[in-house]
Amino acid sequence: MNPWREKVLAFNRDVAEKGEKASDLEQMIAAMAQLPPGQLKKVLTEDVMIILAKYGIE
């Protein structure tokens, strides 16, 4: 395989992964922005905890 092609494919995979992370984090921030102060526990739902764990955040 052409080494340049492999580099381009690797770059595209990296960009796609970063885009997914950004999208996940945007969803969490949007949920937090809708809550009154002190209500962070309501944001930490099972779904959010799964997303955090996906990126190594416990």
PDB file of N, CA and C in Angstrom:
ATOM      1  N   MET A   1       0.844  -1.178   0.000  1.00  0.00           N
ATOM      2  CA  MET A   1       0.000   0.000   0.000  1.00  0.00           C
ATOM      3  C   MET A   1       0.890   1.242   0.000  1.00  0.00           C
ATOM      4  N   ASN A   2       0.437   2.254  -0.651  1.00  0.00           N
ATOM      5  CA  ASN A   2       1.154   3.513  -0.735  1.00  0.00           C
ATOM      6  C   ASN A   2       1.293   4.119   0.663  1.00  0.00           C
ATOM      7  N   PRO A   3       2.535   4.480   1.072  1.00  0.00           N
ATOM      8  CA  PRO A   3       2.712   5.034   2.421  1.00  0.00           C
ATOM      9  C   PRO A   3       1.949   6.346   2.637  1.00  0.00           C
ATOM     10  N   TRP A   4       1.818   7.153   1.600  1.00  0.00           N
ATOM     11  CA  TRP A   4       1.049   8.394   1.743  1.00  0.00           C
ATOM     12  C   TRP A   4      -0.416   8.103   1.979  1.00  0.00           C
ATOM     13  N   ARG A   5      -0.933   7.103   1.273  1.00  0.00           N
ATOM     14  CA  ARG A   5      -2.335   6.720   1.448  1.00  0.00           C
ATOM     15  C   ARG A   5      -2.590   6.269   2.883  1.00  0.00           C
ATOM     16  N   GLU A   6      -1.661   5.491   3.420  1.00  0.00           N
ATOM     17  CA  GLU A   6      -1.795   5.012   4.799  1.00  0.00           C
ATOM     18  C   GLU A   6      -1.778   6.187   5.781  1.00  0.00           C
ATOM     19  N   LYS A   7      -0.920   7.165   5.524  1.00  0.00           N
ATOM     20  CA  LYS A   7      -0.869   8.342   6.398  1.00  0.00           C
ATOM     21  C   LYS A   7      -2.177   9.132   6.338  1.00  0.00           C
ATOM     22  N   VAL A   8      -2.732   9.280   5.146  1.00  0.00           N
ATOM     23  CA  VAL A   8      -3.989   9.997   4.986  1.00  0.00           C
ATOM     24  C   VAL A   8      -5.114   9.252   5.698  1.00  0.00           C
ATOM     25  N   LEU A   9      -5.149   7.937   5.543  1.00  0.00           N
ATOM     26  CA  LEU A   9      -6.181   7.143   6.211  1.00  0.00           C
ATOM     27  C   LEU A   9      -6.057   7.241   7.728  1.00  0.00           C
ATOM     28  N   ALA A  10      -4.834   7.189   8.244  1.00  0.00           N
ATOM     29  CA  ALA A  10      -4.617   7.305   9.685  1.00  0.00           C
ATOM     30  C   ALA A  10      -5.059   8.678  10.182  1.00  0.00           C
ATOM     31  N   PHE A  11      -4.741   9.715   9.422  1.00  0.00           N
ATOM     32  CA  PHE A  11      -5.158  11.074   9.778  1.00  0.00           C
ATOM     33  C   PHE A  11      -6.684  11.172   9.818  1.00  0.00           C
ATOM     34  N   ASN A  12      -7.346  10.621   8.818  1.00  0.00           N
ATOM     35  CA  ASN A  12      -8.810  10.664   8.758  1.00  0.00           C
ATOM     36  C   ASN A  12      -9.442   9.917   9.930  1.00  0.00           C
ATOM     37  N   ARG A  13      -8.870   8.797  10.303  1.00  0.00           N
ATOM     38  CA  ARG A  13      -9.383   8.051  11.462  1.00  0.00           C
ATOM     39  C   ARG A  13      -9.250   8.883  12.738  1.00  0.00           C
ATOM     40  N   ASP A  14      -8.103   9.549  12.882  1.00  0.00           N
ATOM     41  CA  ASP A  14      -7.855  10.385  14.055  1.00  0.00           C
ATOM     42  C   ASP A  14      -8.849  11.542  14.125  1.00  0.00           C
ATOM     43  N   VAL A  15      -9.087  12.194  13.007  1.00  0.00           N
ATOM     44  CA  VAL A  15     -10.038  13.314  12.958  1.00  0.00           C
ATOM     45  C   VAL A  15     -11.445  12.835  13.302  1.00  0.00           C
ATOM     46  N   ALA A  16     -11.843  11.687  12.777  1.00  0.00           N
ATOM     47  CA  ALA A  16     -13.173  11.146  13.060  1.00  0.00           C
ATOM     48  C   ALA A  16     -13.323  10.836  14.548  1.00  0.00           C
ATOM     49  N   GLU A  17     -12.276  10.271  15.152  1.00  0.00           N
ATOM     50  CA  GLU A  17     -12.331   9.951  16.584  1.00  0.00           C
ATOM     51  C   GLU A  17     -12.461  11.224  17.419  1.00  0.00           C
ATOM     52  N   LYS A  18     -11.707  12.256  17.063  1.00  0.00           N
ATOM     53  CA  LYS A  18     -11.778  13.519  17.801  1.00  0.00           C
ATOM     54  C   LYS A  18     -13.152  14.162  17.634  1.00  0.00           C
ATOM     55  N   GLY A  19     -13.737  14.029  16.457  1.00  0.00           N
ATOM     56  CA  GLY A  19     -15.073  14.573  16.226  1.00  0.00           C
ATOM     57  C   GLY A  19     -16.112  13.895  17.095  1.00  0.00           C
ATOM     58  N   GLU A  20     -15.967  12.583  17.251  1.00  0.00           N
ATOM     59  CA  GLU A  20     -16.907  11.840  18.105  1.00  0.00           C
ATOM     60  C   GLU A  20     -16.769  12.294  19.555  1.00  0.00           C
ATOM     61  N   LYS A  21     -15.533  12.473  20.019  1.00  0.00           N
ATOM     62  CA  LYS A  21     -15.315  12.942  21.388  1.00  0.00           C
ATOM     63  C   LYS A  21     -15.930  14.320  21.598  1.00  0.00           C
ATOM     64  N   ALA A  22     -15.718  15.203  20.654  1.00  0.00           N
ATOM     65  CA  ALA A  22     -16.260  16.558  20.768  1.00  0.00           C
ATOM     66  C   ALA A  22     -17.778  16.526  20.817  1.00  0.00           C
ATOM     67  N   SER A  23     -18.386  15.692  19.999  1.00  0.00           N
ATOM     68  CA  SER A  23     -19.842  15.585  19.972  1.00  0.00           C
ATOM     69  C   SER A  23     -20.368  15.065  21.311  1.00  0.00           C
ATOM     70  N   ASP A  24     -19.705  14.061  21.850  1.00  0.00           N
ATOM     71  CA  ASP A  24     -20.103  13.511  23.150  1.00  0.00           C
ATOM     72  C   ASP A  24     -20.013  14.580  24.234  1.00  0.00           C
ATOM     73  N   LEU A  25     -18.919  15.313  24.246  1.00  0.00           N
ATOM     74  CA  LEU A  25     -18.732  16.334  25.275  1.00  0.00           C
ATOM     75  C   LEU A  25     -19.721  17.480  25.107  1.00  0.00           C
ATOM     76  N   GLU A  26     -20.037  17.846  23.878  1.00  0.00           N
ATOM     77  CA  GLU A  26     -21.029  18.896  23.645  1.00  0.00           C
ATOM     78  C   GLU A  26     -22.388  18.496  24.220  1.00  0.00           C
ATOM     79  N   GLN A  27     -22.754  17.236  24.082  1.00  0.00           N
ATOM     80  CA  GLN A  27     -24.020  16.758  24.632  1.00  0.00           C
ATOM     81  C   GLN A  27     -24.031  16.899  26.149  1.00  0.00           C
ATOM     82  N   MET A  28     -22.935  16.563  26.787  1.00  0.00           N
ATOM     83  CA  MET A  28     -22.869  16.658  28.244  1.00  0.00           C
ATOM     84  C   MET A  28     -22.916  18.117  28.700  1.00  0.00           C
ATOM     85  N   ILE A  29     -22.199  18.978  28.027  1.00  0.00           N
ATOM     86  CA  ILE A  29     -22.179  20.385  28.403  1.00  0.00           C
ATOM     87  C   ILE A  29     -23.558  21.008  28.225  1.00  0.00           C
ATOM     88  N   ALA A  30     -24.237  20.653  27.149  1.00  0.00           N
ATOM     89  CA  ALA A  30     -25.586  21.180  26.917  1.00  0.00           C
ATOM     90  C   ALA A  30     -26.520  20.770  28.047  1.00  0.00           C
ATOM     91  N   ALA A  31     -26.400  19.539  28.505  1.00  0.00           N
ATOM     92  CA  ALA A  31     -27.247  19.069  29.606  1.00  0.00           C
ATOM     93  C   ALA A  31     -26.925  19.825  30.892  1.00  0.00           C
ATOM     94  N   MET A  32     -25.649  20.059  31.158  1.00  0.00           N
ATOM     95  CA  MET A  32     -25.256  20.785  32.363  1.00  0.00           C
ATOM     96  C   MET A  32     -25.727  22.231  32.331  1.00  0.00           C
ATOM     97  N   ALA A  33     -25.691  22.840  31.166  1.00  0.00           N
ATOM     98  CA  ALA A  33     -26.071  24.255  31.039  1.00  0.00           C
ATOM     99  C   ALA A  33     -27.543  24.485  31.347  1.00  0.00           C
ATOM    100  N   GLN A  34     -28.358  23.462  31.246  1.00  0.00           N
ATOM    101  CA  GLN A  34     -29.793  23.600  31.485  1.00  0.00           C
ATOM    102  C   GLN A  34     -30.170  23.444  32.948  1.00  0.00           C
ATOM    103  N   LEU A  35     -29.227  23.052  33.768  1.00  0.00           N
ATOM    104  CA  LEU A  35     -29.538  22.818  35.183  1.00  0.00           C
ATOM    105  C   LEU A  35     -29.250  24.026  36.054  1.00  0.00           C
ATOM    106  N   PRO A  36     -30.036  24.188  37.122  1.00  0.00           N
ATOM    107  CA  PRO A  36     -29.706  25.227  38.091  1.00  0.00           C
ATOM    108  C   PRO A  36     -28.426  24.837  38.839  1.00  0.00           C
ATOM    109  N   PRO A  37     -27.745  25.818  39.438  1.00  0.00           N
ATOM    110  CA  PRO A  37     -26.517  25.502  40.179  1.00  0.00           C
ATOM    111  C   PRO A  37     -26.742  24.401  41.218  1.00  0.00           C
ATOM    112  N   GLY A  38     -25.751  23.562  41.405  1.00  0.00           N
ATOM    113  CA  GLY A  38     -25.821  22.511  42.419  1.00  0.00           C
ATOM    114  C   GLY A  38     -26.539  21.247  41.982  1.00  0.00           C
ATOM    115  N   GLN A  39     -26.903  21.156  40.729  1.00  0.00           N
ATOM    116  CA  GLN A  39     -27.660  19.991  40.267  1.00  0.00           C
ATOM    117  C   GLN A  39     -26.845  19.047  39.386  1.00  0.00           C
ATOM    118  N   LEU A  40     -25.543  19.056  39.530  1.00  0.00           N
ATOM    119  CA  LEU A  40     -24.674  18.235  38.686  1.00  0.00           C
ATOM    120  C   LEU A  40     -25.014  16.752  38.768  1.00  0.00           C
ATOM    121  N   LYS A  41     -25.467  16.310  39.923  1.00  0.00           N
ATOM    122  CA  LYS A  41     -25.794  14.889  40.085  1.00  0.00           C
ATOM    123  C   LYS A  41     -26.870  14.441  39.092  1.00  0.00           C
ATOM    124  N   LYS A  42     -27.749  15.353  38.731  1.00  0.00           N
ATOM    125  CA  LYS A  42     -28.781  15.002  37.764  1.00  0.00           C
ATOM    126  C   LYS A  42     -28.201  14.761  36.375  1.00  0.00           C
ATOM    127  N   VAL A  43     -27.058  15.344  36.097  1.00  0.00           N
ATOM    128  CA  VAL A  43     -26.416  15.175  34.797  1.00  0.00           C
ATOM    129  C   VAL A  43     -25.671  13.842  34.733  1.00  0.00           C
ATOM    130  N   LEU A  44     -25.183  13.402  35.861  1.00  0.00           N
ATOM    131  CA  LEU A  44     -24.377  12.189  35.878  1.00  0.00           C
ATOM    132  C   LEU A  44     -25.247  10.937  35.822  1.00  0.00           C
ATOM    133  N   THR A  45     -25.994  10.824  34.742  1.00  0.00           N
ATOM    134  CA  THR A  45     -26.847   9.659  34.528  1.00  0.00           C
ATOM    135  C   THR A  45     -25.983   8.480  34.086  1.00  0.00           C
ATOM    136  N   GLU A  46     -26.584   7.338  33.986  1.00  0.00           N
ATOM    137  CA  GLU A  46     -25.852   6.150  33.552  1.00  0.00           C
ATOM    138  C   GLU A  46     -25.258   6.352  32.151  1.00  0.00           C
ATOM    139  N   ASP A  47     -26.026   6.980  31.260  1.00  0.00           N
ATOM    140  CA  ASP A  47     -25.534   7.229  29.905  1.00  0.00           C
ATOM    141  C   ASP A  47     -24.302   8.132  29.908  1.00  0.00           C
ATOM    142  N   VAL A  48     -24.344   9.181  30.716  1.00  0.00           N
ATOM    143  CA  VAL A  48     -23.209  10.099  30.798  1.00  0.00           C
ATOM    144  C   VAL A  48     -22.006   9.393  31.407  1.00  0.00           C
ATOM    145  N   MET A  49     -22.233   8.579  32.408  1.00  0.00           N
ATOM    146  CA  MET A  49     -21.130   7.839  33.035  1.00  0.00           C
ATOM    147  C   MET A  49     -20.485   6.876  32.034  1.00  0.00           C
ATOM    148  N   ILE A  50     -21.280   6.304  31.157  1.00  0.00           N
ATOM    149  CA  ILE A  50     -20.740   5.409  30.119  1.00  0.00           C
ATOM    150  C   ILE A  50     -19.854   6.199  29.166  1.00  0.00           C
ATOM    151  N   ILE A  51     -20.316   7.387  28.781  1.00  0.00           N
ATOM    152  CA  ILE A  51     -19.508   8.228  27.893  1.00  0.00           C
ATOM    153  C   ILE A  51     -18.203   8.629  28.570  1.00  0.00           C
ATOM    154  N   LEU A  52     -18.280   9.028  29.825  1.00  0.00           N
ATOM    155  CA  LEU A  52     -17.071   9.399  30.550  1.00  0.00           C
ATOM    156  C   LEU A  52     -16.102   8.223  30.642  1.00  0.00           C
ATOM    157  N   ALA A  53     -16.619   7.062  30.956  1.00  0.00           N
ATOM    158  CA  ALA A  53     -15.769   5.872  31.059  1.00  0.00           C
ATOM    159  C   ALA A  53     -15.126   5.530  29.718  1.00  0.00           C
ATOM    160  N   LYS A  54     -15.841   5.795  28.649  1.00  0.00           N
ATOM    161  CA  LYS A  54     -15.323   5.555  27.308  1.00  0.00           C
ATOM    162  C   LYS A  54     -14.020   6.303  27.074  1.00  0.00           C
ATOM    163  N   TYR A  55     -13.884   7.472  27.708  1.00  0.00           N
ATOM    164  CA  TYR A  55     -12.683   8.288  27.555  1.00  0.00           C
ATOM    165  C   TYR A  55     -11.781   8.237  28.781  1.00  0.00           C
ATOM    166  N   GLY A  56     -11.995   7.262  29.634  1.00  0.00           N
ATOM    167  CA  GLY A  56     -11.104   7.046  30.767  1.00  0.00           C
ATOM    168  C   GLY A  56     -11.355   7.957  31.955  1.00  0.00           C
ATOM    169  N   ILE A  57     -12.518   8.601  32.003  1.00  0.00           N
ATOM    170  CA  ILE A  57     -12.848   9.486  33.116  1.00  0.00           C
ATOM    171  C   ILE A  57     -13.740   8.731  34.088  1.00  0.00           C
ATOM    172  N   GLU A  58     -13.318   8.639  35.328  1.00  0.00           N
ATOM    173  CA  GLU A  58     -14.101   7.917  36.336  1.00  0.00           C
ATOM    174  C   GLU A  58     -14.653   8.866  37.364  1.00  0.00           C
TER     175      GLU A  58
END
